[in-house]
Amino acid sequence: MRASRLLSILITLQTHGRVTAAALAERFEVSQRTIYRDVDALSAAGVPVYADRGPGGGFALLDGYRTRLTGLTAAEAEAVLLMGLGGPMEELGIGEAASAARLKLLAALPPGAGDAALRVADRFHLDPADWYRRPMPAERLGEVASAVWAQRRIAIRYESWAGERRRTLDPLGLVLKGGRWYLVARAGEALRTYRLAGIRDFELLDETFDRPAGFDIAAHWTAEVARFERSLQQGTADLIVHPEAMSTIDRLGADAAEAIHAATPDDRGRRRATIPIESIAHAAGLLLGFRDRIEVLAPDELRAELRASAARIATLYSQSGT
């Protein structure tokens, strides 16, 4: 266990540069005293690790030092290969490089370990598109990815629900969600999100830019998704959900489905729950698909909209087809 931790500390220092004892202790879930002992052990083994004290200090490796340790266990190799499954690599234009890296990784494994790693491609497949949807084409993905990597400013003509706009952007990162690619970029001082499918014209500019200090694409995306979902929730609705609706309840959205699943069924299997809704019209459109398997108790405006919608549908189908 300790040998594995020593190797992990070494690779962490090699990858991240200077790291504090507190950060290492938190990362490896041990005490700072244990980290000091581990660093002493690395130093005794000939690893040129040194410590800087005071603000901004920490442990670091001597400049230019690189470990020659390249061994991977079979489980580690499987995990690395699993990260490269599916089509995103191809869409980003690095599929050939990823394939070559995979072959080199397999060739470097000890005898017997390669067979286990090869099973990854045979037994796992990544399909990021949701059911009943096809992945949206992202014709500009390779160009945008190159701009993100090189920190090159771009100029685009972008089409959204508000119409077409021209923007000069600092591309900071790309996100694949639900089969669709999104660009997170800085427009002036603001951070914005753009669908790649909405980019109509693209120009790579000669200007470079500096990334915002400490910007983390994963943390930013998680916060933005939460903020966006909160902004959509304009009200609530009280429902009685019959057991026949439960198999397709996810169609109401994650927040609504979680509230319904959390409700305790009565002796007939029905659940009473309060769910967030975007608007009366949007909620009515979703709930109509459940027919009589979901009953709305409140608000009255939603009940009225469902009655009116049902009446319009009944009128439409009471007439002969044309």
Protein backbone atom coordinates (compact mmCIF):
# COMPACT_ATOMS: atom_id res chain seq x y z
CA MET A 1 0.00 0.00 0.00
CA ARG A 2 2.78 2.41 0.93
CA ALA A 3 4.79 1.58 -2.20
CA SER A 4 1.77 2.44 -4.33
CA ARG A 5 1.34 5.74 -2.45
CA LEU A 6 5.04 6.62 -2.88
CA LEU A 7 4.76 6.09 -6.63
CA SER A 8 1.55 8.13 -6.74
CA ILE A 9 3.20 11.01 -4.82
CA LEU A 10 6.13 10.94 -7.23
CA ILE A 11 3.86 11.05 -10.29
CA THR A 12 1.75 13.82 -8.69
CA LEU A 13 4.84 15.99 -8.14
CA GLN A 14 6.04 15.27 -11.66
CA THR A 15 2.66 16.21 -13.13
CA HIS A 16 1.66 19.20 -11.00
CA GLY A 17 4.97 20.71 -9.92
CA ARG A 18 5.01 22.13 -6.39
CA VAL A 19 2.36 20.61 -4.09
CA THR A 20 1.82 21.30 -0.40
CA ALA A 21 1.91 18.62 2.28
CA ALA A 22 -1.68 19.46 3.17
CA ALA A 23 -2.82 18.93 -0.44
CA LEU A 24 -0.99 15.61 -0.67
CA ALA A 25 -2.41 14.46 2.68
CA GLU A 26 -5.95 15.28 1.52
CA ARG A 27 -5.41 13.60 -1.85
CA PHE A 28 -4.12 10.34 -0.38
CA GLU A 29 -6.26 10.45 2.80
CA VAL A 30 -3.37 10.25 5.24
CA SER A 31 -1.89 12.63 7.81
CA GLN A 32 0.65 15.31 6.94
CA ARG A 33 3.14 13.50 9.18
CA THR A 34 2.77 10.43 6.94
CA ILE A 35 3.41 12.58 3.87
CA TYR A 36 6.63 13.92 5.44
CA ARG A 37 7.78 10.34 6.10
CA ASP A 38 6.91 9.34 2.53
CA VAL A 39 8.87 12.26 1.09
CA ASP A 40 11.86 11.31 3.26
CA ALA A 41 11.59 7.77 1.87
CA LEU A 42 11.57 9.06 -1.72
CA SER A 43 14.61 11.23 -1.00
CA ALA A 44 16.44 8.27 0.57
CA ALA A 45 15.70 6.26 -2.59
CA GLY A 46 17.47 8.88 -4.71
CA VAL A 47 14.50 10.92 -5.90
CA PRO A 48 15.56 14.62 -5.93
CA VAL A 49 12.59 16.02 -4.02
CA TYR A 50 12.97 19.20 -1.99
CA ALA A 51 10.75 21.40 0.19
CA ASP A 52 10.15 25.16 0.14
CA ARG A 53 8.77 26.65 3.35
CA GLY A 54 6.47 29.61 3.84
CA PRO A 55 3.60 30.97 1.69
CA GLY A 56 3.60 29.40 -1.76
CA GLY A 57 5.87 26.62 -0.56
CA GLY A 58 5.53 22.87 -0.83
CA PHE A 59 7.30 19.81 -2.16
CA ALA A 60 8.73 19.75 -5.69
CA LEU A 61 11.12 17.75 -7.84
CA LEU A 62 14.43 19.09 -9.02
CA ASP A 63 13.99 20.83 -12.38
CA GLY A 64 14.29 18.42 -15.28
CA TYR A 65 13.85 15.25 -13.23
CA ARG A 66 11.54 12.67 -14.81
CA THR A 67 10.76 9.25 -13.43
CA ARG A 68 11.46 6.25 -15.65
CA LEU A 69 8.78 4.17 -13.94
CA THR A 70 6.35 3.13 -16.68
CA GLY A 71 4.80 -0.08 -15.37
CA LEU A 72 1.02 -0.43 -15.36
CA THR A 73 -1.07 -3.11 -13.75
CA ALA A 74 -3.70 -4.87 -15.85
CA ALA A 75 -6.48 -3.01 -14.03
CA GLU A 76 -4.78 0.36 -14.63
CA ALA A 77 -4.33 -0.44 -18.32
CA GLU A 78 -8.00 -1.39 -18.63
CA ALA A 79 -9.00 1.92 -17.00
CA VAL A 80 -6.80 3.94 -19.37
CA LEU A 81 -8.15 2.13 -22.43
CA LEU A 82 -11.72 2.56 -21.18
CA MET A 83 -11.27 6.34 -21.25
CA GLY A 84 -10.76 6.19 -25.00
CA LEU A 85 -13.95 4.32 -25.92
CA GLY A 86 -16.47 5.53 -28.48
CA GLY A 87 -16.57 8.30 -31.04
CA PRO A 88 -15.52 11.51 -29.23
CA MET A 89 -11.84 10.92 -30.08
CA GLU A 90 -12.72 10.59 -33.76
CA GLU A 91 -14.92 13.70 -33.65
CA LEU A 92 -12.12 15.72 -32.08
CA GLY A 93 -9.79 14.65 -34.89
CA ILE A 94 -7.42 12.66 -32.67
CA GLY A 95 -8.79 9.20 -33.31
CA GLU A 96 -5.68 8.09 -35.21
CA ALA A 97 -3.37 9.36 -32.47
CA ALA A 98 -5.50 7.68 -29.80
CA SER A 99 -5.38 4.39 -31.72
CA ALA A 100 -1.59 4.60 -32.01
CA ALA A 101 -1.26 5.37 -28.29
CA ARG A 102 -3.47 2.38 -27.50
CA LEU A 103 -1.23 0.06 -29.50
CA LYS A 104 1.89 1.41 -27.78
CA LEU A 105 0.28 0.99 -24.38
CA LEU A 106 -0.63 -2.61 -25.14
CA ALA A 107 2.87 -3.32 -26.39
CA ALA A 108 4.39 -1.94 -23.17
CA LEU A 109 2.32 -4.15 -20.86
CA PRO A 110 3.87 -7.18 -19.21
CA PRO A 111 3.00 -10.65 -20.58
CA GLY A 112 -0.58 -11.61 -19.81
CA ALA A 113 -1.73 -8.12 -18.88
CA GLY A 114 -2.40 -7.15 -22.50
CA ASP A 115 -5.05 -9.84 -22.95
CA ALA A 116 -7.14 -8.39 -20.12
CA ALA A 117 -6.80 -4.87 -21.47
CA LEU A 118 -7.87 -5.95 -24.94
CA ARG A 119 -11.21 -7.12 -23.54
CA VAL A 120 -12.20 -3.48 -22.94
CA ALA A 121 -12.95 -2.75 -26.60
CA ASP A 122 -14.73 -6.08 -27.00
CA ARG A 123 -17.03 -5.66 -24.00
CA PHE A 124 -17.69 -1.93 -23.56
CA HIS A 125 -19.08 0.65 -25.95
CA LEU A 126 -19.81 4.34 -25.35
CA ASP A 127 -22.88 5.86 -27.04
CA PRO A 128 -23.36 9.41 -25.68
CA ALA A 129 -26.59 10.17 -27.56
CA ASP A 130 -29.87 9.82 -25.65
CA TRP A 131 -32.63 7.42 -26.77
CA TYR A 132 -34.68 8.55 -29.78
CA ARG A 133 -31.98 11.09 -30.65
CA ARG A 134 -29.11 11.09 -33.06
CA PRO A 135 -25.78 12.78 -32.31
CA MET A 136 -25.80 16.32 -33.64
CA PRO A 137 -23.15 16.86 -36.33
CA ALA A 138 -20.40 19.22 -35.26
CA GLU A 139 -18.74 20.23 -38.51
CA ARG A 140 -16.49 22.81 -36.86
CA LEU A 141 -15.37 20.59 -33.99
CA GLY A 142 -11.84 19.96 -35.23
CA GLU A 143 -11.21 23.65 -35.92
CA VAL A 144 -12.65 24.76 -32.60
CA ALA A 145 -10.70 22.09 -30.72
CA SER A 146 -7.47 23.32 -32.34
CA ALA A 147 -8.27 26.88 -31.26
CA VAL A 148 -8.98 25.74 -27.70
CA TRP A 149 -5.70 23.83 -27.55
CA ALA A 150 -3.59 26.64 -29.05
CA GLN A 151 -5.37 29.43 -27.10
CA ARG A 152 -6.18 31.23 -30.35
CA ARG A 153 -8.97 33.79 -30.53
CA ILE A 154 -11.81 33.05 -32.96
CA ALA A 155 -14.52 35.01 -34.76
CA ILE A 156 -17.85 33.29 -35.40
CA ARG A 157 -21.31 33.95 -36.78
CA TYR A 158 -23.67 32.22 -34.39
CA GLU A 159 -27.34 31.36 -34.74
CA SER A 160 -29.49 31.02 -31.62
CA TRP A 161 -33.17 31.46 -30.70
CA ALA A 162 -32.52 35.22 -30.56
CA GLY A 163 -31.24 35.35 -34.14
CA GLU A 164 -27.77 35.55 -35.67
CA ARG A 165 -24.90 37.34 -33.97
CA ARG A 166 -21.21 37.83 -34.69
CA ARG A 167 -18.85 37.22 -31.82
CA THR A 168 -15.12 37.38 -31.15
CA LEU A 169 -14.34 34.76 -28.51
CA ASP A 170 -11.58 33.28 -26.40
CA PRO A 171 -12.34 29.52 -26.62
CA LEU A 172 -11.69 27.96 -23.22
CA GLY A 173 -13.06 24.43 -23.44
CA LEU A 174 -15.35 21.90 -25.11
CA VAL A 175 -18.05 19.78 -23.49
CA LEU A 176 -19.92 16.77 -24.90
CA LYS A 177 -23.37 16.46 -23.32
CA GLY A 178 -26.24 14.31 -24.54
CA GLY A 179 -24.63 13.75 -27.94
CA ARG A 180 -24.10 17.49 -28.51
CA TRP A 181 -20.88 19.49 -28.39
CA TYR A 182 -20.76 22.84 -26.60
CA LEU A 183 -18.07 25.53 -26.54
CA VAL A 184 -17.37 27.45 -23.34
CA ALA A 185 -15.77 30.75 -24.31
CA ARG A 186 -15.02 34.20 -22.97
CA ALA A 187 -16.80 37.06 -24.73
CA GLY A 188 -15.29 40.25 -23.36
CA GLU A 189 -15.30 39.65 -19.60
CA ALA A 190 -18.26 37.23 -19.59
CA LEU A 191 -18.19 33.45 -19.90
CA ARG A 192 -20.74 32.10 -22.39
CA THR A 193 -21.78 28.70 -23.76
CA TYR A 194 -22.36 28.09 -27.49
CA ARG A 195 -23.73 25.05 -29.32
CA LEU A 196 -21.24 24.02 -31.98
CA ALA A 197 -24.16 23.16 -34.26
CA GLY A 198 -25.15 26.85 -34.11
CA ILE A 199 -21.84 28.12 -35.54
CA ARG A 200 -22.41 29.22 -39.12
CA ASP A 201 -19.10 30.93 -39.97
CA PHE A 202 -15.75 30.36 -38.27
CA GLU A 203 -12.46 32.24 -38.50
CA LEU A 204 -9.28 31.45 -36.61
CA LEU A 205 -7.59 34.74 -35.71
CA ASP A 206 -3.88 35.41 -35.31
CA GLU A 207 -4.35 36.69 -31.76
CA THR A 208 -3.69 34.51 -28.75
CA PHE A 209 -5.15 34.95 -25.27
CA ASP A 210 -4.39 34.07 -21.67
CA ARG A 211 -6.75 31.68 -19.93
CA PRO A 212 -8.43 32.91 -16.75
CA ALA A 213 -6.37 31.97 -13.72
CA GLY A 214 -7.66 28.80 -12.09
CA PHE A 215 -10.34 28.15 -14.72
CA ASP A 216 -11.66 24.57 -14.44
CA ILE A 217 -13.91 23.51 -17.33
CA ALA A 218 -15.54 20.65 -15.36
CA ALA A 219 -16.33 22.81 -12.32
CA HIS A 220 -17.59 25.66 -14.49
CA TRP A 221 -19.85 23.37 -16.52
CA THR A 222 -21.32 21.73 -13.42
CA ALA A 223 -22.11 25.13 -11.91
CA GLU A 224 -23.61 26.45 -15.15
CA VAL A 225 -25.85 23.41 -15.60
CA ALA A 226 -27.13 23.82 -12.04
CA ARG A 227 -27.72 27.55 -12.57
CA PHE A 228 -29.52 26.94 -15.88
CA GLU A 229 -31.78 24.29 -14.39
CA ARG A 230 -32.66 26.56 -11.47
CA SER A 231 -33.52 29.39 -13.86
CA LEU A 232 -36.05 27.16 -15.63
CA GLN A 233 -37.94 26.29 -12.47
CA GLN A 234 -40.62 29.00 -12.34
CA GLY A 235 -43.11 27.19 -10.12
CA THR A 236 -44.28 23.87 -8.69
CA ALA A 237 -47.10 21.39 -9.25
CA ASP A 238 -48.71 18.89 -6.90
CA LEU A 239 -49.33 15.49 -8.50
CA ILE A 240 -50.73 12.07 -7.82
CA VAL A 241 -48.72 9.59 -9.87
CA HIS A 242 -50.19 6.16 -10.60
CA PRO A 243 -47.84 3.16 -10.69
CA GLU A 244 -48.40 2.72 -14.45
CA ALA A 245 -46.57 6.03 -15.04
CA MET A 246 -43.41 5.13 -13.16
CA SER A 247 -41.65 3.33 -16.02
CA THR A 248 -41.56 6.54 -18.10
CA ILE A 249 -41.46 9.14 -15.33
CA ASP A 250 -37.97 10.31 -16.37
CA ARG A 251 -39.63 12.15 -19.26
CA LEU A 252 -40.60 14.83 -16.74
CA GLY A 253 -36.95 15.65 -16.09
CA ALA A 254 -34.45 14.66 -13.42
CA ASP A 255 -35.66 16.99 -10.65
CA ALA A 256 -39.30 15.94 -11.07
CA ALA A 257 -38.43 12.25 -11.34
CA GLU A 258 -36.29 12.39 -8.19
CA ALA A 259 -39.13 13.98 -6.19
CA ILE A 260 -41.62 11.37 -7.40
CA HIS A 261 -39.30 8.42 -6.75
CA ALA A 262 -38.68 9.77 -3.23
CA ALA A 263 -42.42 9.82 -2.43
CA THR A 264 -43.83 6.89 -0.44
CA PRO A 265 -46.45 4.87 -2.38
CA ASP A 266 -49.87 4.40 -0.78
CA ASP A 267 -51.66 1.04 -0.58
CA ARG A 268 -52.61 1.37 -4.26
CA GLY A 269 -49.07 2.21 -5.38
CA ARG A 270 -49.85 5.88 -6.01
CA ARG A 271 -47.34 8.57 -5.08
CA ARG A 272 -48.11 12.16 -4.14
CA ALA A 273 -45.30 14.59 -4.91
CA THR A 274 -44.53 18.26 -5.51
CA ILE A 275 -42.34 18.83 -8.58
CA PRO A 276 -40.70 21.92 -10.10
CA ILE A 277 -42.09 23.15 -13.44
CA GLU A 278 -40.82 25.61 -16.04
CA SER A 279 -44.17 27.10 -17.01
CA ILE A 280 -47.84 26.16 -17.17
CA ALA A 281 -47.73 25.53 -20.93
CA HIS A 282 -44.52 23.49 -20.79
CA ALA A 283 -45.75 21.36 -17.88
CA ALA A 284 -49.10 20.73 -19.59
CA GLY A 285 -47.33 19.53 -22.73
CA LEU A 286 -45.29 17.02 -20.75
CA LEU A 287 -48.15 15.80 -18.57
CA LEU A 288 -50.59 15.27 -21.43
CA GLY A 289 -48.45 12.36 -22.57
CA PHE A 290 -49.22 10.51 -19.35
CA ARG A 291 -52.99 10.67 -19.97
CA ASP A 292 -54.86 9.59 -16.82
CA ARG A 293 -51.82 8.02 -15.17
CA ILE A 294 -50.91 11.35 -13.53
CA GLU A 295 -53.44 13.67 -11.87
CA VAL A 296 -52.58 17.31 -11.21
CA LEU A 297 -53.93 18.62 -7.90
CA ALA A 298 -52.47 22.13 -8.13
CA PRO A 299 -52.02 24.79 -9.35
CA ASP A 300 -55.47 25.52 -10.74
CA GLU A 301 -53.91 27.22 -13.80
CA LEU A 302 -52.24 23.96 -14.81
CA ARG A 303 -55.46 21.98 -14.32
CA ALA A 304 -57.29 24.52 -16.50
CA GLU A 305 -54.63 24.31 -19.22
CA LEU A 306 -54.84 20.51 -19.24
CA ARG A 307 -58.65 20.67 -19.54
CA ALA A 308 -58.44 23.16 -22.40
CA SER A 309 -55.76 21.13 -24.20
CA ALA A 310 -57.73 17.91 -23.81
CA ALA A 311 -60.85 19.65 -25.15
CA ARG A 312 -58.95 20.91 -28.21
CA ILE A 313 -57.62 17.42 -28.87
CA ALA A 314 -61.09 15.91 -28.47
CA THR A 315 -62.53 18.46 -30.90
CA LEU A 316 -59.76 17.78 -33.41
CA TYR A 317 -60.39 14.03 -33.41
CA SER A 318 -64.19 14.26 -33.26
CA GLN A 319 -64.10 15.52 -36.84
CA SER A 320 -63.65 13.35 -39.90
CA GLY A 321 -60.13 13.23 -41.30
CA THR A 322 -59.40 15.37 -44.35
